[in-house]
Amino acid sequence: MAKNKIYELLEEISSKAGVTEVIINRLDNIFVEMDGELIRIDLKLTNDEIDSFCHEIANSNKKPFDNQHPIFDGNLSDGSRVNFIHKDYTQSCHAITIRRFTKSIKTLDGSPEIFGLSSTWVQFLKVLVRSRMNVVIAGGTGAGKTTFLNLLLQEIPQKERIITIEDTRELQFSLPNVVRLEARPGYGEQKGLTIRDLLKNTLRMRPDRIIVGECRGGEVFDLLQAMNTGHEGSMTSVHANSPGESLMRLENLFMLSGYDLPIKALRFQISTAVDFIIQIKREKNGKRVVSHVTEISNMEGDKILMQDIGTLKNGKLKFTGLVPSCFERLQKAGLPKEFFVDT
């Protein structure tokens, strides 16, 4: 029996560095993204190959994919993220998008200049994690939010208990005391659990830190409550193109929780919960960089106060000269007293 050509394609590119995406639009319309550039490849599939691939992956993920459940998010066996849209909604075959993660990126120390970070900034970020700051990673599609979050998670002390919550498993890190929760839709007689359901239950599981892979809905409310009630050092990511837009995104998602709070009270929740926003940007050449390290410090009237500690200049992250208001806390976690003087 001939091997499915989709598996052959994935096997062929598995050893190639720089391939981050596989896109199947139609039977003969297939692209790969390599080093930030979309390249069309000479390959033609059959409907049977696409159908069998989609259903095999759906079954291995124990999630439904059919005309009643036309959107599928899951993982391949190597951890790559995969998305299907049913052919009833494409006027062709099932549309397939596969996001491959860079496996060569393991730690901040083991990846020199990753995200345009100097050794000085690596030291700062390590202290940020050790000092248990609540961090939001922000960025657009394909900017590298998950990769960056994985790098920060590797810096969490081994003694801490971590609970992660995702709707599709993407986080890849190694710590001894971890519970990994994954939201699933209801299917047949099986009751599904949302990220909000899992997040509420997580508070009963004695976590030191709560990590939500990406906030896309009302779970922001529950995460902010957790951040404000003792679960310091928690992290998440949001889809936004600037630190200011990140705050607006958090506000909008908070409103989806169904709680009708005055805007000032809502912003107060955000300002007291989030310590830093780290903005990830994808440049035109495909390179992914940190463009802002922004501290959320307080409120003035009904506005959240924020200051950029670092911004991107000439492709490198540079200190702005503004010392974080939480410097004393960072110092206790190991940041040298003269750090900002010598930088």
C-alpha atoms as a PDB file:
ATOM      1  CA  MET A   1       0.000   0.000   0.000  1.00  0.00           C
ATOM      2  CA  ALA A   2       1.424   3.403  -1.045  1.00  0.00           C
ATOM      3  CA  LYS A   3       2.316   5.745   1.778  1.00  0.00           C
ATOM      4  CA  ASN A   4       0.207   8.874   2.163  1.00  0.00           C
ATOM      5  CA  LYS A   5       2.122  11.678   0.440  1.00  0.00           C
ATOM      6  CA  ILE A   6       1.344  14.100   3.289  1.00  0.00           C
ATOM      7  CA  TYR A   7       3.332  11.913   5.681  1.00  0.00           C
ATOM      8  CA  GLU A   8       6.104  11.651   3.100  1.00  0.00           C
ATOM      9  CA  LEU A   9       6.219  15.462   2.869  1.00  0.00           C
ATOM     10  CA  LEU A  10       6.392  15.844   6.649  1.00  0.00           C
ATOM     11  CA  GLU A  11       9.128  13.221   6.837  1.00  0.00           C
ATOM     12  CA  GLU A  12      11.099  14.974   4.105  1.00  0.00           C
ATOM     13  CA  ILE A  13      11.029  18.383   5.790  1.00  0.00           C
ATOM     14  CA  SER A  14      11.576  17.046   9.319  1.00  0.00           C
ATOM     15  CA  SER A  15      15.344  17.314   8.925  1.00  0.00           C
ATOM     16  CA  LYS A  16      15.298  20.718   7.228  1.00  0.00           C
ATOM     17  CA  ALA A  17      16.022  23.745   9.358  1.00  0.00           C
ATOM     18  CA  GLY A  18      13.891  26.852   8.901  1.00  0.00           C
ATOM     19  CA  VAL A  19      10.633  25.180   7.812  1.00  0.00           C
ATOM     20  CA  THR A  20       7.954  26.515  10.151  1.00  0.00           C
ATOM     21  CA  GLU A  21       4.672  25.963   8.292  1.00  0.00           C
ATOM     22  CA  VAL A  22       3.030  23.499   5.899  1.00  0.00           C
ATOM     23  CA  ILE A  23      -0.106  24.786   4.135  1.00  0.00           C
ATOM     24  CA  ILE A  24      -2.467  22.680   2.016  1.00  0.00           C
ATOM     25  CA  ASN A  25      -5.052  24.858   0.279  1.00  0.00           C
ATOM     26  CA  ARG A  26      -6.161  22.488  -2.474  1.00  0.00           C
ATOM     27  CA  LEU A  27      -5.045  19.144  -3.900  1.00  0.00           C
ATOM     28  CA  ASP A  28      -2.390  20.789  -6.068  1.00  0.00           C
ATOM     29  CA  ASN A  29      -1.907  24.037  -4.132  1.00  0.00           C
ATOM     30  CA  ILE A  30       0.603  23.358  -1.356  1.00  0.00           C
ATOM     31  CA  PHE A  31       3.120  25.681   0.312  1.00  0.00           C
ATOM     32  CA  VAL A  32       5.823  25.491   2.949  1.00  0.00           C
ATOM     33  CA  GLU A  33       7.180  28.443   4.851  1.00  0.00           C
ATOM     34  CA  MET A  34      10.971  28.459   5.057  1.00  0.00           C
ATOM     35  CA  ASP A  35      12.905  31.225   6.781  1.00  0.00           C
ATOM     36  CA  GLY A  36       9.862  33.496   6.622  1.00  0.00           C
ATOM     37  CA  GLU A  37       9.154  32.941   2.895  1.00  0.00           C
ATOM     38  CA  LEU A  38       6.206  30.978   1.475  1.00  0.00           C
ATOM     39  CA  ILE A  39       7.361  28.542  -1.220  1.00  0.00           C
ATOM     40  CA  ARG A  40       4.982  26.585  -3.446  1.00  0.00           C
ATOM     41  CA  ILE A  41       5.998  22.960  -3.858  1.00  0.00           C
ATOM     42  CA  ASP A  42       5.398  20.612  -6.757  1.00  0.00           C
ATOM     43  CA  LEU A  43       3.068  18.055  -5.213  1.00  0.00           C
ATOM     44  CA  LYS A  44      -0.444  16.818  -5.966  1.00  0.00           C
ATOM     45  CA  LEU A  45      -2.568  15.017  -3.416  1.00  0.00           C
ATOM     46  CA  THR A  46      -5.794  13.038  -3.660  1.00  0.00           C
ATOM     47  CA  ASN A  47      -8.980  13.561  -1.684  1.00  0.00           C
ATOM     48  CA  ASP A  48      -8.481  10.134  -0.098  1.00  0.00           C
ATOM     49  CA  GLU A  49      -5.022  11.129   1.153  1.00  0.00           C
ATOM     50  CA  ILE A  50      -6.308  14.331   2.710  1.00  0.00           C
ATOM     51  CA  ASP A  51      -9.408  12.657   4.206  1.00  0.00           C
ATOM     52  CA  SER A  52      -7.430   9.786   5.729  1.00  0.00           C
ATOM     53  CA  PHE A  53      -4.745  12.116   7.107  1.00  0.00           C
ATOM     54  CA  CYS A  54      -7.299  14.390   8.783  1.00  0.00           C
ATOM     55  CA  HIS A  55      -9.257  11.563  10.346  1.00  0.00           C
ATOM     56  CA  GLU A  56      -6.173   9.696  11.529  1.00  0.00           C
ATOM     57  CA  ILE A  57      -4.859  12.813  13.251  1.00  0.00           C
ATOM     58  CA  ALA A  58      -8.280  13.607  14.733  1.00  0.00           C
ATOM     59  CA  ASN A  59      -8.539  10.060  16.112  1.00  0.00           C
ATOM     60  CA  SER A  60      -5.029  10.183  17.593  1.00  0.00           C
ATOM     61  CA  ASN A  61      -5.990  13.453  19.340  1.00  0.00           C
ATOM     62  CA  LYS A  62      -9.310  11.934  20.481  1.00  0.00           C
ATOM     63  CA  LYS A  63     -11.180  14.891  19.030  1.00  0.00           C
ATOM     64  CA  PRO A  64     -14.014  14.961  16.471  1.00  0.00           C
ATOM     65  CA  PHE A  65     -13.640  16.174  12.897  1.00  0.00           C
ATOM     66  CA  ASP A  66     -16.643  15.912  10.567  1.00  0.00           C
ATOM     67  CA  ASN A  67     -19.331  18.134   9.057  1.00  0.00           C
ATOM     68  CA  GLN A  68     -20.835  18.566  12.532  1.00  0.00           C
ATOM     69  CA  HIS A  69     -17.443  19.520  13.975  1.00  0.00           C
ATOM     70  CA  PRO A  70     -15.823  21.302  11.014  1.00  0.00           C
ATOM     71  CA  ILE A  71     -12.940  23.014  12.818  1.00  0.00           C
ATOM     72  CA  PHE A  72     -10.159  20.930  14.352  1.00  0.00           C
ATOM     73  CA  ASP A  73      -7.139  21.966  16.403  1.00  0.00           C
ATOM     74  CA  GLY A  74      -4.673  19.351  17.542  1.00  0.00           C
ATOM     75  CA  ASN A  75      -1.113  18.061  17.414  1.00  0.00           C
ATOM     76  CA  LEU A  76       0.968  15.709  15.362  1.00  0.00           C
ATOM     77  CA  SER A  77       3.065  13.079  17.120  1.00  0.00           C
ATOM     78  CA  ASP A  78       6.133  15.371  16.990  1.00  0.00           C
ATOM     79  CA  GLY A  79       4.267  18.158  18.797  1.00  0.00           C
ATOM     80  CA  SER A  80       3.545  20.288  15.716  1.00  0.00           C
ATOM     81  CA  ARG A  81       0.233  22.125  15.847  1.00  0.00           C
ATOM     82  CA  VAL A  82      -2.330  21.278  13.183  1.00  0.00           C
ATOM     83  CA  ASN A  83      -5.574  22.936  12.099  1.00  0.00           C
ATOM     84  CA  PHE A  84      -8.225  21.555   9.733  1.00  0.00           C
ATOM     85  CA  ILE A  85     -11.241  23.251   8.151  1.00  0.00           C
ATOM     86  CA  HIS A  86     -13.818  20.841   6.730  1.00  0.00           C
ATOM     87  CA  LYS A  87     -14.240  20.744   2.961  1.00  0.00           C
ATOM     88  CA  ASP A  88     -17.911  21.799   3.304  1.00  0.00           C
ATOM     89  CA  TYR A  89     -16.558  25.267   4.090  1.00  0.00           C
ATOM     90  CA  THR A  90     -13.744  25.465   1.526  1.00  0.00           C
ATOM     91  CA  GLN A  91     -15.507  24.457  -1.705  1.00  0.00           C
ATOM     92  CA  SER A  92     -12.609  22.064  -2.263  1.00  0.00           C
ATOM     93  CA  CYS A  93     -10.748  19.628  -0.003  1.00  0.00           C
ATOM     94  CA  HIS A  94     -10.149  19.996   3.733  1.00  0.00           C
ATOM     95  CA  ALA A  95      -7.808  22.939   4.328  1.00  0.00           C
ATOM     96  CA  ILE A  96      -4.767  21.917   6.402  1.00  0.00           C
ATOM     97  CA  THR A  97      -2.317  24.176   8.240  1.00  0.00           C
ATOM     98  CA  ILE A  98       0.592  22.692  10.195  1.00  0.00           C
ATOM     99  CA  ARG A  99       2.746  24.845  12.466  1.00  0.00           C
ATOM    100  CA  ARG A 100       6.152  23.314  13.173  1.00  0.00           C
ATOM    101  CA  PHE A 101       8.078  24.495  16.209  1.00  0.00           C
ATOM    102  CA  THR A 102      11.808  25.057  16.212  1.00  0.00           C
ATOM    103  CA  LYS A 103      13.173  22.163  18.218  1.00  0.00           C
ATOM    104  CA  SER A 104      16.721  23.515  18.264  1.00  0.00           C
ATOM    105  CA  ILE A 105      15.630  26.282  20.633  1.00  0.00           C
ATOM    106  CA  LYS A 106      15.875  24.825  24.134  1.00  0.00           C
ATOM    107  CA  THR A 107      16.967  27.495  26.618  1.00  0.00           C
ATOM    108  CA  LEU A 108      17.866  31.164  26.703  1.00  0.00           C
ATOM    109  CA  ASP A 109      21.500  30.293  27.444  1.00  0.00           C
ATOM    110  CA  GLY A 110      21.634  27.673  24.714  1.00  0.00           C
ATOM    111  CA  SER A 111      20.248  29.966  22.018  1.00  0.00           C
ATOM    112  CA  PRO A 112      22.596  32.973  21.655  1.00  0.00           C
ATOM    113  CA  GLU A 113      20.964  36.094  20.225  1.00  0.00           C
ATOM    114  CA  ILE A 114      17.561  34.369  20.094  1.00  0.00           C
ATOM    115  CA  PHE A 115      14.828  36.976  19.561  1.00  0.00           C
ATOM    116  CA  GLY A 116      17.615  39.561  19.231  1.00  0.00           C
ATOM    117  CA  LEU A 117      18.445  39.282  22.936  1.00  0.00           C
ATOM    118  CA  SER A 118      21.882  40.118  24.251  1.00  0.00           C
ATOM    119  CA  SER A 119      23.344  38.265  27.251  1.00  0.00           C
ATOM    120  CA  THR A 120      22.370  41.277  29.376  1.00  0.00           C
ATOM    121  CA  TRP A 121      18.727  40.945  28.426  1.00  0.00           C
ATOM    122  CA  VAL A 122      18.856  37.191  29.002  1.00  0.00           C
ATOM    123  CA  GLN A 123      20.031  37.901  32.553  1.00  0.00           C
ATOM    124  CA  PHE A 124      17.170  40.376  33.044  1.00  0.00           C
ATOM    125  CA  LEU A 125      14.546  37.915  31.794  1.00  0.00           C
ATOM    126  CA  LYS A 126      15.857  35.144  34.019  1.00  0.00           C
ATOM    127  CA  VAL A 127      15.531  37.402  37.047  1.00  0.00           C
ATOM    128  CA  LEU A 128      12.047  38.401  35.878  1.00  0.00           C
ATOM    129  CA  VAL A 129      10.997  34.742  36.100  1.00  0.00           C
ATOM    130  CA  ARG A 130      12.799  34.046  39.384  1.00  0.00           C
ATOM    131  CA  SER A 131      11.240  37.118  41.018  1.00  0.00           C
ATOM    132  CA  ARG A 132       7.795  35.678  40.171  1.00  0.00           C
ATOM    133  CA  MET A 133       6.576  38.554  38.037  1.00  0.00           C
ATOM    134  CA  ASN A 134       3.288  38.001  36.210  1.00  0.00           C
ATOM    135  CA  VAL A 135       4.095  38.199  32.524  1.00  0.00           C
ATOM    136  CA  VAL A 136       2.011  38.545  29.353  1.00  0.00           C
ATOM    137  CA  ILE A 137       3.689  37.626  26.062  1.00  0.00           C
ATOM    138  CA  ALA A 138       2.126  39.576  23.182  1.00  0.00           C
ATOM    139  CA  GLY A 139       2.546  39.245  19.448  1.00  0.00           C
ATOM    140  CA  GLY A 140       0.868  38.707  16.116  1.00  0.00           C
ATOM    141  CA  THR A 141       0.290  35.434  14.271  1.00  0.00           C
ATOM    142  CA  GLY A 142       3.536  33.521  13.826  1.00  0.00           C
ATOM    143  CA  ALA A 143       5.556  36.019  15.865  1.00  0.00           C
ATOM    144  CA  GLY A 144       6.899  33.317  18.181  1.00  0.00           C
ATOM    145  CA  LYS A 145       4.805  33.803  21.338  1.00  0.00           C
ATOM    146  CA  THR A 146       4.771  30.099  22.183  1.00  0.00           C
ATOM    147  CA  THR A 147       8.492  29.644  21.540  1.00  0.00           C
ATOM    148  CA  PHE A 148       9.285  32.618  23.773  1.00  0.00           C
ATOM    149  CA  LEU A 149       6.929  31.415  26.503  1.00  0.00           C
ATOM    150  CA  ASN A 150       8.660  28.019  26.414  1.00  0.00           C
ATOM    151  CA  LEU A 151      12.024  29.739  26.921  1.00  0.00           C
ATOM    152  CA  LEU A 152      10.740  31.582  30.004  1.00  0.00           C
ATOM    153  CA  LEU A 153       9.186  28.424  31.428  1.00  0.00           C
ATOM    154  CA  GLN A 154      12.571  26.690  31.353  1.00  0.00           C
ATOM    155  CA  GLU A 155      13.803  29.291  33.868  1.00  0.00           C
ATOM    156  CA  ILE A 156      11.220  28.409  36.544  1.00  0.00           C
ATOM    157  CA  PRO A 157      12.879  26.849  39.627  1.00  0.00           C
ATOM    158  CA  GLN A 158      12.618  23.049  39.731  1.00  0.00           C
ATOM    159  CA  LYS A 159      11.000  23.049  43.186  1.00  0.00           C
ATOM    160  CA  GLU A 160       7.823  24.822  42.034  1.00  0.00           C
ATOM    161  CA  ARG A 161       4.548  23.157  41.059  1.00  0.00           C
ATOM    162  CA  ILE A 162       3.300  24.294  37.648  1.00  0.00           C
ATOM    163  CA  ILE A 163      -0.093  23.778  36.028  1.00  0.00           C
ATOM    164  CA  THR A 164      -0.480  24.560  32.338  1.00  0.00           C
ATOM    165  CA  ILE A 165      -3.787  25.026  30.530  1.00  0.00           C
ATOM    166  CA  GLU A 166      -4.104  24.969  26.731  1.00  0.00           C
ATOM    167  CA  ASP A 167      -6.743  24.299  24.134  1.00  0.00           C
ATOM    168  CA  THR A 168      -4.106  22.693  21.895  1.00  0.00           C
ATOM    169  CA  ARG A 169      -0.901  21.368  23.443  1.00  0.00           C
ATOM    170  CA  GLU A 170       1.991  23.570  22.340  1.00  0.00           C
ATOM    171  CA  LEU A 171       4.081  24.218  25.440  1.00  0.00           C
ATOM    172  CA  GLN A 172       7.256  22.150  25.531  1.00  0.00           C
ATOM    173  CA  PHE A 173       9.411  22.425  28.629  1.00  0.00           C
ATOM    174  CA  SER A 174      10.969  20.180  31.228  1.00  0.00           C
ATOM    175  CA  LEU A 175      10.115  20.570  34.913  1.00  0.00           C
ATOM    176  CA  PRO A 176       9.486  17.796  37.469  1.00  0.00           C
ATOM    177  CA  ASN A 177       6.258  18.938  39.149  1.00  0.00           C
ATOM    178  CA  VAL A 178       3.880  19.733  36.286  1.00  0.00           C
ATOM    179  CA  VAL A 179       0.261  18.959  35.444  1.00  0.00           C
ATOM    180  CA  ARG A 180      -0.709  19.678  31.835  1.00  0.00           C
ATOM    181  CA  LEU A 181      -4.392  20.321  31.233  1.00  0.00           C
ATOM    182  CA  GLU A 182      -5.998  20.508  27.804  1.00  0.00           C
ATOM    183  CA  ALA A 183      -9.476  21.845  27.044  1.00  0.00           C
ATOM    184  CA  ARG A 184     -11.681  19.625  24.897  1.00  0.00           C
ATOM    185  CA  PRO A 185     -15.083  20.173  23.259  1.00  0.00           C
ATOM    186  CA  GLY A 186     -17.995  17.946  24.142  1.00  0.00           C
ATOM    187  CA  TYR A 187     -18.473  14.984  21.800  1.00  0.00           C
ATOM    188  CA  GLY A 188     -21.301  12.479  21.916  1.00  0.00           C
ATOM    189  CA  GLU A 189     -21.966  11.601  25.542  1.00  0.00           C
ATOM    190  CA  GLN A 190     -18.624  12.985  26.691  1.00  0.00           C
ATOM    191  CA  LYS A 191     -18.851  16.337  28.442  1.00  0.00           C
ATOM    192  CA  GLY A 192     -16.293  18.855  27.289  1.00  0.00           C
ATOM    193  CA  LEU A 193     -14.251  21.206  29.466  1.00  0.00           C
ATOM    194  CA  THR A 194     -13.335  24.749  28.493  1.00  0.00           C
ATOM    195  CA  ILE A 195     -10.209  26.654  29.490  1.00  0.00           C
ATOM    196  CA  ARG A 196     -12.361  28.534  32.012  1.00  0.00           C
ATOM    197  CA  ASP A 197     -13.561  25.257  33.544  1.00  0.00           C
ATOM    198  CA  LEU A 198     -10.003  24.019  33.875  1.00  0.00           C
ATOM    199  CA  LEU A 199      -8.713  27.342  35.206  1.00  0.00           C
ATOM    200  CA  LYS A 200     -11.328  27.467  37.952  1.00  0.00           C
ATOM    201  CA  ASN A 201     -10.454  23.920  39.007  1.00  0.00           C
ATOM    202  CA  THR A 202      -6.719  24.677  38.891  1.00  0.00           C
ATOM    203  CA  LEU A 203      -7.105  26.930  41.940  1.00  0.00           C
ATOM    204  CA  ARG A 204      -7.933  23.748  43.935  1.00  0.00           C
ATOM    205  CA  MET A 205      -4.791  21.944  42.738  1.00  0.00           C
ATOM    206  CA  ARG A 206      -2.178  23.881  44.749  1.00  0.00           C
ATOM    207  CA  PRO A 207      -0.273  25.481  41.881  1.00  0.00           C
ATOM    208  CA  ASP A 208       2.689  27.765  42.499  1.00  0.00           C
ATOM    209  CA  ARG A 209       2.255  29.178  39.007  1.00  0.00           C
ATOM    210  CA  ILE A 210      -0.528  28.944  36.445  1.00  0.00           C
ATOM    211  CA  ILE A 211       0.401  29.053  32.764  1.00  0.00           C
ATOM    212  CA  VAL A 212      -2.347  29.613  30.177  1.00  0.00           C
ATOM    213  CA  GLY A 213      -0.952  28.986  26.691  1.00  0.00           C
ATOM    214  CA  GLU A 214      -3.008  31.760  25.121  1.00  0.00           C
ATOM    215  CA  CYS A 215      -5.957  33.794  26.388  1.00  0.00           C
ATOM    216  CA  ARG A 216      -8.686  34.117  23.778  1.00  0.00           C
ATOM    217  CA  GLY A 217     -11.824  34.603  25.855  1.00  0.00           C
ATOM    218  CA  GLY A 218     -13.398  35.150  29.260  1.00  0.00           C
ATOM    219  CA  GLU A 219     -10.718  33.051  30.975  1.00  0.00           C
ATOM    220  CA  VAL A 220      -8.792  36.334  31.282  1.00  0.00           C
ATOM    221  CA  PHE A 221     -11.065  37.197  34.217  1.00  0.00           C
ATOM    222  CA  ASP A 222     -10.202  33.994  36.073  1.00  0.00           C
ATOM    223  CA  LEU A 223      -6.479  34.286  35.347  1.00  0.00           C
ATOM    224  CA  LEU A 224      -6.327  37.879  36.583  1.00  0.00           C
ATOM    225  CA  GLN A 225      -8.095  36.829  39.788  1.00  0.00           C
ATOM    226  CA  ALA A 226      -5.525  34.067  40.265  1.00  0.00           C
ATOM    227  CA  MET A 227      -2.640  36.479  39.628  1.00  0.00           C
ATOM    228  CA  ASN A 228      -4.115  38.847  42.207  1.00  0.00           C
ATOM    229  CA  THR A 229      -4.640  36.192  44.881  1.00  0.00           C
ATOM    230  CA  GLY A 230      -1.243  34.620  45.422  1.00  0.00           C
ATOM    231  CA  HIS A 231      -0.319  32.847  42.197  1.00  0.00           C
ATOM    232  CA  GLU A 232       2.570  35.144  41.377  1.00  0.00           C
ATOM    233  CA  GLY A 233       4.808  34.268  38.467  1.00  0.00           C
ATOM    234  CA  SER A 234       1.931  33.176  36.272  1.00  0.00           C
ATOM    235  CA  MET A 235       2.150  33.703  32.526  1.00  0.00           C
ATOM    236  CA  THR A 236       0.052  33.753  29.386  1.00  0.00           C
ATOM    237  CA  SER A 237       0.131  35.077  25.827  1.00  0.00           C
ATOM    238  CA  VAL A 238      -2.271  37.269  23.868  1.00  0.00           C
ATOM    239  CA  HIS A 239      -2.665  38.198  20.236  1.00  0.00           C
ATOM    240  CA  ALA A 240      -1.721  41.885  19.979  1.00  0.00           C
ATOM    241  CA  ASN A 241       0.709  44.049  18.012  1.00  0.00           C
ATOM    242  CA  SER A 242       1.860  46.474  20.716  1.00  0.00           C
ATOM    243  CA  PRO A 243       1.896  46.723  24.528  1.00  0.00           C
ATOM    244  CA  GLY A 244      -0.914  49.305  24.429  1.00  0.00           C
ATOM    245  CA  GLU A 245      -2.971  47.061  22.165  1.00  0.00           C
ATOM    246  CA  SER A 246      -2.296  44.205  24.599  1.00  0.00           C
ATOM    247  CA  LEU A 247      -4.029  46.111  27.383  1.00  0.00           C
ATOM    248  CA  MET A 248      -7.020  46.786  25.114  1.00  0.00           C
ATOM    249  CA  ARG A 249      -7.073  43.095  24.199  1.00  0.00           C
ATOM    250  CA  LEU A 250      -7.113  42.074  27.859  1.00  0.00           C
ATOM    251  CA  GLU A 251      -9.970  44.516  28.514  1.00  0.00           C
ATOM    252  CA  ASN A 252     -12.008  43.142  25.621  1.00  0.00           C
ATOM    253  CA  LEU A 253     -11.421  39.534  26.647  1.00  0.00           C
ATOM    254  CA  PHE A 254     -12.271  40.379  30.266  1.00  0.00           C
ATOM    255  CA  MET A 255     -15.672  41.639  29.089  1.00  0.00           C
ATOM    256  CA  LEU A 256     -16.357  38.257  27.468  1.00  0.00           C
ATOM    257  CA  SER A 257     -16.427  36.713  30.949  1.00  0.00           C
ATOM    258  CA  GLY A 258     -19.902  38.149  31.490  1.00  0.00           C
ATOM    259  CA  TYR A 259     -18.953  40.284  34.487  1.00  0.00           C
ATOM    260  CA  ASP A 260     -20.173  43.856  34.120  1.00  0.00           C
ATOM    261  CA  LEU A 261     -17.506  45.950  35.854  1.00  0.00           C
ATOM    262  CA  PRO A 262     -16.956  49.693  35.513  1.00  0.00           C
ATOM    263  CA  ILE A 263     -14.023  50.347  33.207  1.00  0.00           C
ATOM    264  CA  LYS A 264     -11.935  51.813  36.031  1.00  0.00           C
ATOM    265  CA  ALA A 265     -12.427  48.708  38.189  1.00  0.00           C
ATOM    266  CA  LEU A 266     -11.632  46.477  35.216  1.00  0.00           C
ATOM    267  CA  ARG A 267      -8.399  48.338  34.503  1.00  0.00           C
ATOM    268  CA  PHE A 268      -7.473  48.231  38.174  1.00  0.00           C
ATOM    269  CA  GLN A 269      -7.725  44.428  38.036  1.00  0.00           C
ATOM    270  CA  ILE A 270      -5.359  44.366  35.060  1.00  0.00           C
ATOM    271  CA  SER A 271      -2.893  46.901  36.509  1.00  0.00           C
ATOM    272  CA  THR A 272      -2.535  45.015  39.793  1.00  0.00           C
ATOM    273  CA  ALA A 273      -2.302  41.575  38.172  1.00  0.00           C
ATOM    274  CA  VAL A 274       0.087  42.079  35.236  1.00  0.00           C
ATOM    275  CA  ASP A 275       3.663  43.156  35.965  1.00  0.00           C
ATOM    276  CA  PHE A 276       5.269  43.033  32.513  1.00  0.00           C
ATOM    277  CA  ILE A 277       4.247  42.781  28.859  1.00  0.00           C
ATOM    278  CA  ILE A 278       6.879  41.350  26.531  1.00  0.00           C
ATOM    279  CA  GLN A 279       6.103  42.215  22.922  1.00  0.00           C
ATOM    280  CA  ILE A 280       7.289  39.858  20.173  1.00  0.00           C
ATOM    281  CA  LYS A 281       7.555  41.062  16.598  1.00  0.00           C
ATOM    282  CA  ARG A 282       8.183  39.319  13.320  1.00  0.00           C
ATOM    283  CA  GLU A 283      10.248  41.432  10.949  1.00  0.00           C
ATOM    284  CA  LYS A 284       9.882  41.472   7.163  1.00  0.00           C
ATOM    285  CA  ASN A 285      12.833  39.119   6.737  1.00  0.00           C
ATOM    286  CA  GLY A 286      11.116  36.558   8.967  1.00  0.00           C
ATOM    287  CA  LYS A 287      13.357  37.170  11.979  1.00  0.00           C
ATOM    288  CA  ARG A 288      11.528  37.179  15.304  1.00  0.00           C
ATOM    289  CA  VAL A 289      12.601  39.735  17.889  1.00  0.00           C
ATOM    290  CA  VAL A 290      11.527  41.209  21.212  1.00  0.00           C
ATOM    291  CA  SER A 291      10.419  44.754  20.392  1.00  0.00           C
ATOM    292  CA  HIS A 292       9.323  45.942  23.855  1.00  0.00           C
ATOM    293  CA  VAL A 293       9.738  45.028  27.492  1.00  0.00           C
ATOM    294  CA  THR A 294       7.054  47.104  29.171  1.00  0.00           C
ATOM    295  CA  GLU A 295       6.303  47.430  32.868  1.00  0.00           C
ATOM    296  CA  ILE A 296       2.732  47.924  34.096  1.00  0.00           C
ATOM    297  CA  SER A 297       3.217  50.023  37.192  1.00  0.00           C
ATOM    298  CA  ASN A 298       0.008  51.584  38.494  1.00  0.00           C
ATOM    299  CA  MET A 299      -3.018  53.682  37.577  1.00  0.00           C
ATOM    300  CA  GLU A 300      -3.636  57.403  37.218  1.00  0.00           C
ATOM    301  CA  GLY A 301      -7.331  58.221  37.159  1.00  0.00           C
ATOM    302  CA  ASP A 302      -8.854  55.600  34.884  1.00  0.00           C
ATOM    303  CA  LYS A 303      -5.671  55.017  32.866  1.00  0.00           C
ATOM    304  CA  ILE A 304      -3.173  52.208  33.330  1.00  0.00           C
ATOM    305  CA  LEU A 305       0.382  53.514  33.644  1.00  0.00           C
ATOM    306  CA  MET A 306       3.044  51.704  31.648  1.00  0.00           C
ATOM    307  CA  GLN A 307       6.700  52.400  30.869  1.00  0.00           C
ATOM    308  CA  ASP A 308       9.033  50.811  28.344  1.00  0.00           C
ATOM    309  CA  ILE A 309      12.104  49.348  30.000  1.00  0.00           C
ATOM    310  CA  GLY A 310      13.459  48.160  26.663  1.00  0.00           C
ATOM    311  CA  THR A 311      12.666  48.945  23.022  1.00  0.00           C
ATOM    312  CA  LEU A 312      13.965  47.754  19.667  1.00  0.00           C
ATOM    313  CA  LYS A 313      16.630  49.913  17.980  1.00  0.00           C
ATOM    314  CA  ASN A 314      18.526  48.859  14.866  1.00  0.00           C
ATOM    315  CA  GLY A 315      17.416  45.261  15.302  1.00  0.00           C
ATOM    316  CA  LYS A 316      18.555  45.022  18.946  1.00  0.00           C
ATOM    317  CA  LEU A 317      16.671  45.397  22.199  1.00  0.00           C
ATOM    318  CA  LYS A 318      18.063  48.400  24.096  1.00  0.00           C
ATOM    319  CA  PHE A 319      17.389  49.723  27.604  1.00  0.00           C
ATOM    320  CA  THR A 320      15.482  53.002  27.587  1.00  0.00           C
ATOM    321  CA  GLY A 321      17.094  54.318  30.759  1.00  0.00           C
ATOM    322  CA  LEU A 322      13.890  53.905  32.772  1.00  0.00           C
ATOM    323  CA  VAL A 323      14.473  51.727  35.826  1.00  0.00           C
ATOM    324  CA  PRO A 324      11.529  49.431  36.706  1.00  0.00           C
ATOM    325  CA  SER A 325       9.533  50.512  39.733  1.00  0.00           C
ATOM    326  CA  CYS A 326       9.895  46.919  40.981  1.00  0.00           C
ATOM    327  CA  PHE A 327      13.710  47.116  40.911  1.00  0.00           C
ATOM    328  CA  GLU A 328      14.056  46.267  44.613  1.00  0.00           C
ATOM    329  CA  ARG A 329      12.119  43.047  44.061  1.00  0.00           C
ATOM    330  CA  LEU A 330      14.258  42.196  41.034  1.00  0.00           C
ATOM    331  CA  GLN A 331      17.386  42.900  43.072  1.00  0.00           C
ATOM    332  CA  LYS A 332      16.298  40.442  45.772  1.00  0.00           C
ATOM    333  CA  ALA A 333      15.937  37.818  43.022  1.00  0.00           C
ATOM    334  CA  GLY A 334      19.535  38.328  41.898  1.00  0.00           C
ATOM    335  CA  LEU A 335      19.690  41.397  39.656  1.00  0.00           C
ATOM    336  CA  PRO A 336      22.911  43.314  40.476  1.00  0.00           C
ATOM    337  CA  LYS A 337      22.443  46.634  42.245  1.00  0.00           C
ATOM    338  CA  GLU A 338      24.407  48.438  39.517  1.00  0.00           C
ATOM    339  CA  PHE A 339      22.646  46.605  36.684  1.00  0.00           C
ATOM    340  CA  PHE A 340      21.031  49.636  35.059  1.00  0.00           C
ATOM    341  CA  VAL A 341      24.052  51.839  35.699  1.00  0.00           C
ATOM    342  CA  ASP A 342      26.408  49.488  33.893  1.00  0.00           C
ATOM    343  CA  THR A 343      24.017  48.706  31.040  1.00  0.00           C
END
